[in-house]
């Protein structure tokens, strides 16, 4: 009696182990790579179930050790699916959360007119003044810090003179 290995004996086990390893390493990448091992684990589980069904139809044709290997692969693939599914959901939730925070901050800035980077406005203002004035000196652009009301009064006195 010739006993053969099940078709998914090495494949399902390899896919399950790779899915676990890549999934655990993918935690370091904020779960971005979790979709690849999740797919690998699903494929490994489908192949393992197909092979176990084939063993159930004709148990005399296959080795029982091969059946044990496929059962082990099935368990590893289930663990990989659960782990990578959890990692993917956490990463997706984090992207949604931070995306919402960022977009709401941008919308609030647009509504209030608060822009942190107003370089374009100042650059065009200087360029327009440069067009009207052939040369300019540092005295044309005096930047003073105002710390109290006394400083404001001093600036008003200077501008009146």
C-alpha atoms as a PDB file:
ATOM      1  CA  UNK A   1       0.000   0.000   0.000  1.00  0.00           C
ATOM      2  CA  UNK A   2       1.574   3.235  -1.196  1.00  0.00           C
ATOM      3  CA  UNK A   3       0.998   6.170   1.154  1.00  0.00           C
ATOM      4  CA  UNK A   4       1.359   9.641  -0.377  1.00  0.00           C
ATOM      5  CA  UNK A   5       1.708  13.055   1.151  1.00  0.00           C
ATOM      6  CA  UNK A   6      -1.253  15.425   1.047  1.00  0.00           C
ATOM      7  CA  UNK A   7      -0.956  18.138  -1.618  1.00  0.00           C
ATOM      8  CA  UNK A   8      -0.811  20.950   0.955  1.00  0.00           C
ATOM      9  CA  UNK A   9       1.631  19.255   3.323  1.00  0.00           C
ATOM     10  CA  UNK A  10       4.632  21.544   2.802  1.00  0.00           C
ATOM     11  CA  UNK A  11       2.805  24.512   1.227  1.00  0.00           C
ATOM     12  CA  UNK A  12       0.277  25.236   3.998  1.00  0.00           C
ATOM     13  CA  UNK A  13       2.923  24.932   6.708  1.00  0.00           C
ATOM     14  CA  UNK A  14       5.336  27.250   4.882  1.00  0.00           C
ATOM     15  CA  UNK A  15       2.608  29.837   4.241  1.00  0.00           C
ATOM     16  CA  UNK A  16       1.528  29.749   7.890  1.00  0.00           C
ATOM     17  CA  UNK A  17       5.021  30.166   9.295  1.00  0.00           C
ATOM     18  CA  UNK A  18       5.870  32.956   6.833  1.00  0.00           C
ATOM     19  CA  UNK A  19       2.599  34.719   7.625  1.00  0.00           C
ATOM     20  CA  UNK A  20       3.411  34.637  11.344  1.00  0.00           C
ATOM     21  CA  UNK A  21       6.976  35.860  10.889  1.00  0.00           C
ATOM     22  CA  UNK A  22       6.099  38.635   8.426  1.00  0.00           C
ATOM     23  CA  UNK A  23       3.138  39.648  10.591  1.00  0.00           C
ATOM     24  CA  UNK A  24       5.265  39.987  13.714  1.00  0.00           C
ATOM     25  CA  UNK A  25       7.952  41.891  11.827  1.00  0.00           C
ATOM     26  CA  UNK A  26       5.185  44.023  10.289  1.00  0.00           C
ATOM     27  CA  UNK A  27       4.289  45.313  13.758  1.00  0.00           C
ATOM     28  CA  UNK A  28       7.471  47.375  13.533  1.00  0.00           C
ATOM     29  CA  UNK A  29       6.132  48.972  10.334  1.00  0.00           C
ATOM     30  CA  UNK A  30       2.944  50.180  12.037  1.00  0.00           C
ATOM     31  CA  UNK A  31       0.895  47.346  10.526  1.00  0.00           C
ATOM     32  CA  UNK A  32       1.251  48.569   6.954  1.00  0.00           C
ATOM     33  CA  UNK A  33       2.508  45.180   5.785  1.00  0.00           C
ATOM     34  CA  UNK A  34      -0.175  43.185   7.618  1.00  0.00           C
ATOM     35  CA  UNK A  35      -2.282  42.700   4.495  1.00  0.00           C
ATOM     36  CA  UNK A  36       0.381  40.523   2.810  1.00  0.00           C
ATOM     37  CA  UNK A  37       0.721  37.927   5.604  1.00  0.00           C
ATOM     38  CA  UNK A  38      -3.048  38.028   6.130  1.00  0.00           C
ATOM     39  CA  UNK A  39      -3.505  37.027   2.500  1.00  0.00           C
ATOM     40  CA  UNK A  40      -0.835  34.344   2.789  1.00  0.00           C
ATOM     41  CA  UNK A  41      -2.492  32.867   5.882  1.00  0.00           C
ATOM     42  CA  UNK A  42      -5.910  32.795   4.205  1.00  0.00           C
ATOM     43  CA  UNK A  43      -4.446  30.996   1.189  1.00  0.00           C
ATOM     44  CA  UNK A  44      -2.667  28.528   3.501  1.00  0.00           C
ATOM     45  CA  UNK A  45      -5.896  27.843   5.408  1.00  0.00           C
ATOM     46  CA  UNK A  46      -7.891  27.257   2.217  1.00  0.00           C
ATOM     47  CA  UNK A  47      -5.242  24.873   0.848  1.00  0.00           C
ATOM     48  CA  UNK A  48      -5.037  23.025   4.180  1.00  0.00           C
ATOM     49  CA  UNK A  49      -8.827  22.606   4.374  1.00  0.00           C
ATOM     50  CA  UNK A  50      -8.927  21.339   0.799  1.00  0.00           C
ATOM     51  CA  UNK A  51      -6.234  18.763   1.581  1.00  0.00           C
ATOM     52  CA  UNK A  52      -7.985  17.641   4.779  1.00  0.00           C
ATOM     53  CA  UNK A  53     -11.215  17.210   2.831  1.00  0.00           C
ATOM     54  CA  UNK A  54      -9.297  15.106   0.300  1.00  0.00           C
ATOM     55  CA  UNK A  55      -7.892  13.021   3.157  1.00  0.00           C
ATOM     56  CA  UNK A  56     -11.397  12.540   4.540  1.00  0.00           C
ATOM     57  CA  UNK A  57     -12.617  11.192   1.203  1.00  0.00           C
ATOM     58  CA  UNK A  58      -9.768   8.702   0.813  1.00  0.00           C
ATOM     59  CA  UNK A  59      -7.790   8.161   4.061  1.00  0.00           C
ATOM     60  CA  UNK A  60      -6.058   4.992   2.862  1.00  0.00           C
ATOM     61  CA  UNK A  61      -4.243   6.790   0.062  1.00  0.00           C
ATOM     62  CA  UNK A  62      -2.443   9.296   2.292  1.00  0.00           C
ATOM     63  CA  UNK A  63       0.016   9.100   5.155  1.00  0.00           C
ATOM     64  CA  UNK A  64      -1.307   9.923   8.630  1.00  0.00           C
ATOM     65  CA  UNK A  65       1.857  11.947   9.369  1.00  0.00           C
ATOM     66  CA  UNK A  66       1.015  14.133   6.377  1.00  0.00           C
ATOM     67  CA  UNK A  67      -2.464  14.651   7.843  1.00  0.00           C
ATOM     68  CA  UNK A  68      -0.909  15.722  11.158  1.00  0.00           C
ATOM     69  CA  UNK A  69       1.352  18.183   9.350  1.00  0.00           C
ATOM     70  CA  UNK A  70      -1.632  19.705   7.519  1.00  0.00           C
ATOM     71  CA  UNK A  71      -3.594  19.941  10.801  1.00  0.00           C
ATOM     72  CA  UNK A  72      -0.646  21.770  12.363  1.00  0.00           C
ATOM     73  CA  UNK A  73      -0.473  24.067   9.337  1.00  0.00           C
ATOM     74  CA  UNK A  74      -4.198  24.748   9.663  1.00  0.00           C
ATOM     75  CA  UNK A  75      -3.776  25.806  13.303  1.00  0.00           C
ATOM     76  CA  UNK A  76      -0.770  28.008  12.484  1.00  0.00           C
ATOM     77  CA  UNK A  77      -2.698  29.666   9.642  1.00  0.00           C
ATOM     78  CA  UNK A  78      -5.671  30.356  11.918  1.00  0.00           C
ATOM     79  CA  UNK A  79      -3.356  31.967  14.475  1.00  0.00           C
ATOM     80  CA  UNK A  80      -1.716  34.021  11.700  1.00  0.00           C
ATOM     81  CA  UNK A  81      -5.127  35.173  10.417  1.00  0.00           C
ATOM     82  CA  UNK A  82      -6.223  36.296  13.875  1.00  0.00           C
ATOM     83  CA  UNK A  83      -2.919  38.026  14.649  1.00  0.00           C
ATOM     84  CA  UNK A  84      -2.559  39.773  11.291  1.00  0.00           C
ATOM     85  CA  UNK A  85      -6.235  40.698  11.218  1.00  0.00           C
ATOM     86  CA  UNK A  86      -5.853  42.362  14.606  1.00  0.00           C
ATOM     87  CA  UNK A  87      -2.677  44.171  13.508  1.00  0.00           C
ATOM     88  CA  UNK A  88      -4.393  45.346  10.316  1.00  0.00           C
ATOM     89  CA  UNK A  89      -7.452  46.617  12.203  1.00  0.00           C
ATOM     90  CA  UNK A  90      -5.324  48.501  14.742  1.00  0.00           C
ATOM     91  CA  UNK A  91      -3.249  50.076  11.961  1.00  0.00           C
ATOM     92  CA  UNK A  92      -6.383  51.007  10.023  1.00  0.00           C
ATOM     93  CA  UNK A  93      -7.950  52.545  13.136  1.00  0.00           C
ATOM     94  CA  UNK A  94      -4.763  54.537  13.806  1.00  0.00           C
ATOM     95  CA  UNK A  95      -4.707  55.861  10.237  1.00  0.00           C
ATOM     96  CA  UNK A  96      -8.359  56.847  10.480  1.00  0.00           C
ATOM     97  CA  UNK A  97      -7.842  58.501  13.871  1.00  0.00           C
ATOM     98  CA  UNK A  98      -4.747  60.480  12.874  1.00  0.00           C
ATOM     99  CA  UNK A  99      -6.196  61.294   9.473  1.00  0.00           C
ATOM    100  CA  UNK A 100      -9.268  62.732  11.158  1.00  0.00           C
ATOM    101  CA  UNK A 101      -7.128  64.782  13.534  1.00  0.00           C
ATOM    102  CA  UNK A 102      -4.979  66.153  10.746  1.00  0.00           C
ATOM    103  CA  UNK A 103      -7.874  66.964   8.439  1.00  0.00           C
ATOM    104  CA  UNK A 104      -9.864  68.634  11.233  1.00  0.00           C
ATOM    105  CA  UNK A 105      -6.822  70.736  12.151  1.00  0.00           C
ATOM    106  CA  UNK A 106      -6.432  71.789   8.538  1.00  0.00           C
ATOM    107  CA  UNK A 107     -10.121  72.646   8.237  1.00  0.00           C
ATOM    108  CA  UNK A 108     -10.025  74.650  11.472  1.00  0.00           C
ATOM    109  CA  UNK A 109      -7.034  76.553  10.151  1.00  0.00           C
ATOM    110  CA  UNK A 110      -8.857  77.334   6.922  1.00  0.00           C
ATOM    111  CA  UNK A 111     -12.002  78.471   8.759  1.00  0.00           C
ATOM    112  CA  UNK A 112     -10.107  80.692  11.185  1.00  0.00           C
ATOM    113  CA  UNK A 113      -7.618  81.966   8.647  1.00  0.00           C
ATOM    114  CA  UNK A 114      -4.746  80.767  10.803  1.00  0.00           C
ATOM    115  CA  UNK A 115      -1.930  79.591   8.627  1.00  0.00           C
ATOM    116  CA  UNK A 116       1.339  78.592  10.164  1.00  0.00           C
ATOM    117  CA  UNK A 117       3.211  78.992   6.913  1.00  0.00           C
ATOM    118  CA  UNK A 118       2.535  82.437   5.482  1.00  0.00           C
ATOM    119  CA  UNK A 119       5.799  82.529   3.499  1.00  0.00           C
ATOM    120  CA  UNK A 120       4.000  82.994   0.193  1.00  0.00           C
ATOM    121  CA  UNK A 121       2.249  86.142   1.429  1.00  0.00           C
ATOM    122  CA  UNK A 122       5.435  87.740   2.731  1.00  0.00           C
ATOM    123  CA  UNK A 123       7.475  86.727  -0.296  1.00  0.00           C
ATOM    124  CA  UNK A 124       5.027  88.339  -2.721  1.00  0.00           C
ATOM    125  CA  UNK A 125       4.840  91.460  -0.555  1.00  0.00           C
ATOM    126  CA  UNK A 126       8.610  91.854  -0.659  1.00  0.00           C
ATOM    127  CA  UNK A 127       8.691  91.159  -4.403  1.00  0.00           C
ATOM    128  CA  UNK A 128       6.074  93.856  -5.045  1.00  0.00           C
ATOM    129  CA  UNK A 129       8.068  96.354  -2.993  1.00  0.00           C
ATOM    130  CA  UNK A 130      11.223  95.326  -4.816  1.00  0.00           C
ATOM    131  CA  UNK A 131       9.559  96.137  -8.121  1.00  0.00           C
ATOM    132  CA  UNK A 132       8.678  99.645  -6.938  1.00  0.00           C
ATOM    133  CA  UNK A 133      12.006 100.330  -5.227  1.00  0.00           C
ATOM    134  CA  UNK A 134      15.193  99.754  -7.132  1.00  0.00           C
ATOM    135  CA  UNK A 135      17.277  99.245  -3.977  1.00  0.00           C
ATOM    136  CA  UNK A 136      16.360  98.730  -0.386  1.00  0.00           C
ATOM    137  CA  UNK A 137      18.259  98.664   2.855  1.00  0.00           C
ATOM    138  CA  UNK A 138      17.798  97.017   6.201  1.00  0.00           C
ATOM    139  CA  UNK A 139      16.390 100.280   7.586  1.00  0.00           C
ATOM    140  CA  UNK A 140      13.336  99.865   5.350  1.00  0.00           C
ATOM    141  CA  UNK A 141      12.393  96.674   7.179  1.00  0.00           C
ATOM    142  CA  UNK A 142      12.620  97.154  10.931  1.00  0.00           C
ATOM    143  CA  UNK A 143      11.205  94.378  13.047  1.00  0.00           C
ATOM    144  CA  UNK A 144      10.677  95.272  16.676  1.00  0.00           C
ATOM    145  CA  UNK A 145       9.401  93.091  19.453  1.00  0.00           C
ATOM    146  CA  UNK A 146       6.543  94.393  21.565  1.00  0.00           C
ATOM    147  CA  UNK A 147       6.564  93.190  25.141  1.00  0.00           C
ATOM    148  CA  UNK A 148       4.465  95.757  26.953  1.00  0.00           C
ATOM    149  CA  UNK A 149       2.262  98.816  26.459  1.00  0.00           C
ATOM    150  CA  UNK A 150       5.284 101.067  27.052  1.00  0.00           C
ATOM    151  CA  UNK A 151       6.894  99.576  23.935  1.00  0.00           C
ATOM    152  CA  UNK A 152       3.799 100.453  21.917  1.00  0.00           C
ATOM    153  CA  UNK A 153       3.913 104.055  23.126  1.00  0.00           C
ATOM    154  CA  UNK A 154       7.612 104.291  22.233  1.00  0.00           C
ATOM    155  CA  UNK A 155       6.900 103.002  18.729  1.00  0.00           C
ATOM    156  CA  UNK A 156       4.117 105.536  18.274  1.00  0.00           C
ATOM    157  CA  UNK A 157       6.455 108.341  19.357  1.00  0.00           C
ATOM    158  CA  UNK A 158       9.144 107.179  16.915  1.00  0.00           C
ATOM    159  CA  UNK A 159       6.711 106.995  14.020  1.00  0.00           C
ATOM    160  CA  UNK A 160       5.333 110.485  14.811  1.00  0.00           C
ATOM    161  CA  UNK A 161       8.845 112.052  14.582  1.00  0.00           C
END
